[in-house]
Amino acid sequence: MTGIAFSAEKANQAQEATHGIGNVETVLGLPTPAIYSADASLFVLRAGVALIEKGMADFLYLSLTDYMQHTFAPKKVLAGVLRSDRP
């Protein structure tokens, strides 16, 4: 099986031979985010969009962090954006 696999945390360390993609920041036009930030999940989503738009992938499995859920209480507006039980 071939494919692309890299983490948001270490995107700048991905190598073509081991991850199926190198120079991730250049290819995606996105800097590697701090893992303990909201930017990490946004990076994952934006990376997925970029890979599809560039024709580098046709199927994606994206895993986001739970930073927002652990940073904001359930009633806070920012955390509520990610809750599935929101009306």
N, C-alpha and C. Protein backbone atom coordinates (compact mmCIF):
# COMPACT_ATOMS: atom_id res chain seq x y z
N MET A 1 0.84 -1.18 0.00
CA MET A 1 0.00 0.00 0.00
C MET A 1 0.89 1.25 0.00
N THR A 2 0.52 2.21 -0.77
CA THR A 2 1.24 3.48 -0.78
C THR A 2 0.30 4.57 -0.34
N GLY A 3 0.85 5.65 0.12
CA GLY A 3 0.01 6.76 0.55
C GLY A 3 0.83 7.80 1.26
N ILE A 4 0.14 8.75 1.84
CA ILE A 4 0.75 9.85 2.56
C ILE A 4 0.30 9.75 4.02
N ALA A 5 1.25 9.85 4.93
CA ALA A 5 0.93 9.82 6.36
C ALA A 5 1.92 10.70 7.10
N PHE A 6 1.40 11.74 7.76
CA PHE A 6 2.26 12.61 8.56
C PHE A 6 1.42 13.24 9.65
N SER A 7 2.08 13.71 10.69
CA SER A 7 1.38 14.35 11.80
C SER A 7 1.51 15.86 11.70
N ALA A 8 0.53 16.55 12.23
CA ALA A 8 0.60 18.01 12.28
C ALA A 8 1.78 18.44 13.15
N GLU A 9 2.01 17.72 14.22
CA GLU A 9 3.07 18.07 15.17
C GLU A 9 4.46 18.04 14.53
N LYS A 10 4.67 17.08 13.64
CA LYS A 10 6.00 16.90 13.04
C LYS A 10 5.96 16.97 11.52
N ALA A 11 5.04 17.77 11.00
CA ALA A 11 4.90 17.89 9.54
C ALA A 11 6.19 18.32 8.87
N ASN A 12 6.94 19.19 9.53
CA ASN A 12 8.19 19.69 8.94
C ASN A 12 9.30 18.65 8.93
N GLN A 13 9.06 17.48 9.54
CA GLN A 13 10.06 16.41 9.56
C GLN A 13 9.71 15.27 8.61
N ALA A 14 8.56 15.35 7.96
CA ALA A 14 8.12 14.29 7.05
C ALA A 14 9.08 14.13 5.88
N GLN A 15 9.33 12.88 5.52
CA GLN A 15 10.23 12.56 4.41
C GLN A 15 9.48 11.75 3.36
N GLU A 16 9.79 11.98 2.11
CA GLU A 16 9.14 11.26 1.01
C GLU A 16 9.23 9.74 1.21
N ALA A 17 10.41 9.25 1.56
CA ALA A 17 10.63 7.81 1.67
C ALA A 17 9.82 7.15 2.78
N THR A 18 9.59 7.85 3.87
CA THR A 18 8.90 7.24 5.02
C THR A 18 7.48 7.72 5.22
N HIS A 19 7.12 8.88 4.67
CA HIS A 19 5.80 9.45 4.90
C HIS A 19 5.00 9.64 3.61
N GLY A 20 5.63 9.41 2.47
CA GLY A 20 4.94 9.59 1.19
C GLY A 20 4.89 11.04 0.74
N ILE A 21 5.49 11.93 1.50
CA ILE A 21 5.53 13.35 1.18
C ILE A 21 6.70 13.98 1.94
N GLY A 22 7.37 14.87 1.27
CA GLY A 22 8.44 15.64 1.91
C GLY A 22 8.14 17.12 1.71
N ASN A 23 8.86 17.96 2.39
CA ASN A 23 8.66 19.41 2.27
C ASN A 23 7.20 19.80 2.46
N VAL A 24 6.59 19.25 3.48
CA VAL A 24 5.16 19.45 3.72
C VAL A 24 4.79 20.93 3.81
N GLU A 25 5.56 21.69 4.52
CA GLU A 25 5.23 23.11 4.67
C GLU A 25 5.22 23.82 3.32
N THR A 26 6.16 23.49 2.45
CA THR A 26 6.21 24.10 1.12
C THR A 26 5.07 23.60 0.24
N VAL A 27 4.86 22.30 0.24
CA VAL A 27 3.80 21.72 -0.59
C VAL A 27 2.43 22.27 -0.21
N LEU A 28 2.17 22.36 1.09
CA LEU A 28 0.86 22.80 1.56
C LEU A 28 0.76 24.31 1.72
N GLY A 29 1.90 24.98 1.81
CA GLY A 29 1.88 26.42 2.05
C GLY A 29 1.45 26.75 3.46
N LEU A 30 1.72 25.84 4.40
CA LEU A 30 1.31 26.00 5.80
C LEU A 30 2.48 25.69 6.71
N PRO A 31 2.69 26.50 7.75
CA PRO A 31 3.76 26.18 8.71
C PRO A 31 3.31 25.09 9.68
N THR A 32 4.26 24.30 10.16
CA THR A 32 3.96 23.30 11.18
C THR A 32 3.48 24.02 12.45
N PRO A 33 2.31 23.65 12.96
CA PRO A 33 1.75 24.36 14.12
C PRO A 33 2.30 23.82 15.44
N ALA A 34 2.10 24.60 16.48
CA ALA A 34 2.35 24.10 17.83
C ALA A 34 1.26 23.07 18.13
N ILE A 35 1.62 21.93 18.66
CA ILE A 35 0.64 20.86 18.86
C ILE A 35 -0.39 21.23 19.93
N TYR A 36 0.00 22.00 20.94
CA TYR A 36 -0.95 22.40 21.98
C TYR A 36 -1.56 23.75 21.63
N SER A 37 -2.30 23.77 20.53
CA SER A 37 -2.95 24.99 20.06
C SER A 37 -4.13 24.62 19.17
N ALA A 38 -5.02 25.56 19.00
CA ALA A 38 -6.14 25.35 18.08
C ALA A 38 -5.64 25.22 16.65
N ASP A 39 -4.48 25.79 16.37
CA ASP A 39 -3.92 25.73 15.02
C ASP A 39 -3.62 24.31 14.56
N ALA A 40 -3.37 23.40 15.47
CA ALA A 40 -3.05 22.03 15.08
C ALA A 40 -4.21 21.38 14.33
N SER A 41 -5.42 21.50 14.85
CA SER A 41 -6.58 20.91 14.16
C SER A 41 -6.88 21.66 12.86
N LEU A 42 -6.73 22.97 12.87
CA LEU A 42 -6.94 23.73 11.64
C LEU A 42 -5.92 23.33 10.58
N PHE A 43 -4.68 23.07 11.00
CA PHE A 43 -3.65 22.62 10.07
C PHE A 43 -4.07 21.31 9.41
N VAL A 44 -4.56 20.37 10.21
CA VAL A 44 -4.98 19.07 9.68
C VAL A 44 -6.07 19.25 8.63
N LEU A 45 -7.08 20.05 8.94
CA LEU A 45 -8.17 20.27 7.99
C LEU A 45 -7.68 20.97 6.73
N ARG A 46 -6.86 21.99 6.89
CA ARG A 46 -6.33 22.71 5.73
C ARG A 46 -5.39 21.84 4.91
N ALA A 47 -4.61 20.99 5.57
CA ALA A 47 -3.73 20.07 4.85
C ALA A 47 -4.55 19.09 4.02
N GLY A 48 -5.64 18.59 4.59
CA GLY A 48 -6.51 17.69 3.85
C GLY A 48 -7.08 18.34 2.61
N VAL A 49 -7.55 19.56 2.75
CA VAL A 49 -8.09 20.30 1.60
C VAL A 49 -7.00 20.49 0.55
N ALA A 50 -5.81 20.90 0.98
CA ALA A 50 -4.71 21.14 0.04
C ALA A 50 -4.31 19.86 -0.70
N LEU A 51 -4.25 18.73 0.00
CA LEU A 51 -3.89 17.47 -0.65
C LEU A 51 -4.92 17.09 -1.71
N ILE A 52 -6.19 17.28 -1.43
CA ILE A 52 -7.24 16.99 -2.41
C ILE A 52 -7.14 17.95 -3.59
N GLU A 53 -7.03 19.24 -3.30
CA GLU A 53 -6.97 20.25 -4.36
C GLU A 53 -5.76 20.05 -5.27
N LYS A 54 -4.66 19.59 -4.73
CA LYS A 54 -3.44 19.38 -5.53
C LYS A 54 -3.43 18.02 -6.21
N GLY A 55 -4.48 17.23 -6.02
CA GLY A 55 -4.56 15.91 -6.65
C GLY A 55 -3.59 14.90 -6.04
N MET A 56 -3.16 15.14 -4.82
CA MET A 56 -2.21 14.25 -4.16
C MET A 56 -2.90 13.16 -3.36
N ALA A 57 -4.21 13.26 -3.19
CA ALA A 57 -4.97 12.27 -2.43
C ALA A 57 -6.40 12.23 -2.94
N ASP A 58 -7.01 11.08 -2.85
CA ASP A 58 -8.43 10.97 -3.21
C ASP A 58 -9.24 10.38 -2.06
N PHE A 59 -8.56 10.01 -1.00
CA PHE A 59 -9.21 9.49 0.21
C PHE A 59 -8.40 9.99 1.40
N LEU A 60 -9.08 10.49 2.41
CA LEU A 60 -8.38 11.04 3.57
C LEU A 60 -8.90 10.45 4.88
N TYR A 61 -8.02 10.25 5.82
CA TYR A 61 -8.37 9.97 7.20
C TYR A 61 -7.67 11.06 8.00
N LEU A 62 -8.43 11.95 8.58
CA LEU A 62 -7.88 13.07 9.33
C LEU A 62 -8.23 12.93 10.80
N SER A 63 -7.26 13.12 11.65
CA SER A 63 -7.47 13.02 13.09
C SER A 63 -7.10 14.35 13.73
N LEU A 64 -8.07 14.94 14.42
CA LEU A 64 -7.87 16.24 15.04
C LEU A 64 -7.46 16.08 16.50
N THR A 65 -6.96 17.16 17.08
CA THR A 65 -6.62 17.14 18.51
C THR A 65 -7.88 17.46 19.32
N ASP A 66 -7.79 17.26 20.61
CA ASP A 66 -8.90 17.63 21.50
C ASP A 66 -8.54 18.86 22.32
N TYR A 67 -7.65 19.66 21.77
CA TYR A 67 -7.19 20.88 22.46
C TYR A 67 -8.36 21.78 22.86
N MET A 68 -9.28 22.04 21.94
CA MET A 68 -10.39 22.96 22.21
C MET A 68 -11.28 22.44 23.33
N GLN A 69 -11.59 21.15 23.32
CA GLN A 69 -12.46 20.58 24.34
C GLN A 69 -11.83 20.64 25.72
N HIS A 70 -10.51 20.55 25.79
CA HIS A 70 -9.83 20.58 27.09
C HIS A 70 -9.45 22.00 27.52
N THR A 71 -9.60 22.96 26.62
CA THR A 71 -9.24 24.34 26.92
C THR A 71 -10.44 25.18 27.33
N PHE A 72 -11.60 24.90 26.74
CA PHE A 72 -12.79 25.70 26.99
C PHE A 72 -13.88 24.85 27.62
N ALA A 73 -14.59 25.42 28.57
CA ALA A 73 -15.72 24.74 29.21
C ALA A 73 -16.83 24.50 28.18
N PRO A 74 -17.69 23.50 28.39
CA PRO A 74 -18.74 23.17 27.43
C PRO A 74 -19.67 24.31 27.05
N LYS A 75 -19.90 25.25 27.93
CA LYS A 75 -20.83 26.35 27.63
C LYS A 75 -20.16 27.51 26.89
N LYS A 76 -18.86 27.47 26.76
CA LYS A 76 -18.15 28.54 26.06
C LYS A 76 -18.41 28.43 24.56
N VAL A 77 -18.52 29.53 23.90
CA VAL A 77 -18.84 29.57 22.47
C VAL A 77 -17.81 28.80 21.65
N LEU A 78 -16.52 28.99 21.90
CA LEU A 78 -15.51 28.33 21.08
C LEU A 78 -15.57 26.82 21.20
N ALA A 79 -15.78 26.32 22.39
CA ALA A 79 -15.85 24.86 22.56
C ALA A 79 -17.13 24.33 21.93
N GLY A 80 -18.19 25.08 22.02
CA GLY A 80 -19.47 24.65 21.46
C GLY A 80 -19.43 24.43 19.97
N VAL A 81 -18.55 25.10 19.28
CA VAL A 81 -18.43 24.93 17.83
C VAL A 81 -18.10 23.48 17.49
N LEU A 82 -17.35 22.81 18.35
CA LEU A 82 -16.92 21.44 18.07
C LEU A 82 -17.84 20.37 18.66
N ARG A 83 -18.84 20.75 19.41
CA ARG A 83 -19.69 19.76 20.06
C ARG A 83 -20.75 19.24 19.10
N SER A 84 -20.92 17.93 19.06
CA SER A 84 -21.90 17.32 18.16
C SER A 84 -23.32 17.42 18.68
N ASP A 85 -23.51 17.69 19.98
CA ASP A 85 -24.85 17.76 20.55
C ASP A 85 -25.43 19.16 20.50
N ARG A 86 -24.76 20.06 19.81
CA ARG A 86 -25.24 21.44 19.67
C ARG A 86 -26.50 21.49 18.83
N PRO A 87 -27.50 22.29 19.21
CA PRO A 87 -28.71 22.39 18.39
C PRO A 87 -28.45 23.13 17.09
